[in-house]
Each structure stands twice: as C-alpha cells, then as structure tokens.
Amino acid sequence: MGNKVTEALVSLQLPRTEPSAAELDATLFPYEGPVDLCNAALAALRGVVDPEVALSIVDMGLVYGVAIDDDTASVELTMTTSACPVTHVIVEDVQAALDRVLPEHLAIDVKLVWQPPWTPARMSERARAFMGR
C-alpha cells in the first residue's frame, strides 16, 4: 500500500491534494494510515453533520482519531454528551460516508469513546464563530 503516516494529525485546513508533512503536523486528531487515503477520509468525515447543531463532526471536535490499516478503517468518535439522542444517526452517517470513499475491502469500525470528555475547546474556529463563542 502507499506510504504510512504514523500518528500524523489531520488539520482542518488540509487541501484536497495530498498533504505535506508540514500540513500533517498541524493537528486536530491523530491519523494513522496511508497518506493517499487521508484526504478522502477527512472529506468524508467533514461531510457528516451533527443534526442537533448543523455543524460537521470534524468542526465540532467529535473525531478523536482515525486509523486505517490493510483491513480496517477505525474511527474513534465521541459525542458532546453521553445522553446524545442522535448518537446512532451520527455513527451510521460516519460508516456510510467512509464506505463511499474508502476501498471496498476495508471494514469500517466506529468506536464511541468518552475519555477525554468532549469540551467546547475541541471545536474549530468556524464552529465557535457559528455558535457565537
């Protein structure tokens, strides 16, 4: 497979082309996997919207990590609260979005994590501006 990037971080500012090492250093969540799949995964996750706030799960800071190996694409995801009523919708949307852009043979595994707890500090500047923070 392509070059592996170990614990590179995905920036909200990544262009649609293959990221440079400097761009991968500007991190928001850890990414492990082939560089050539990084942008596709990021674009797919950016397209998943938290229906309660009408913002991307990436902008909300709900994605804690993505790892892609030869067989599996794993996403660590959190919610703003463990009582989130749309958790199942977001998880299904993540699975469907990644399924559309990643190679067919990859299984998609979405894991809900609660540590560290989500805080508004994880939101992007765009999300903060939208929310008036």
Foldseek 3Di string as FASTA:
>chain_A
DADWDFFFAADPPDDLDQDDSVNSNRHLATEIGHSVCVSLLVVLQQPQADVVQRGGQQQQLQWHYWYDDPAEIETEGEDLDPPDPCVVVSVVSSQVSCCVRDDVRHHYHYHYDCPPHRDSVSGDPVSCVSVVD
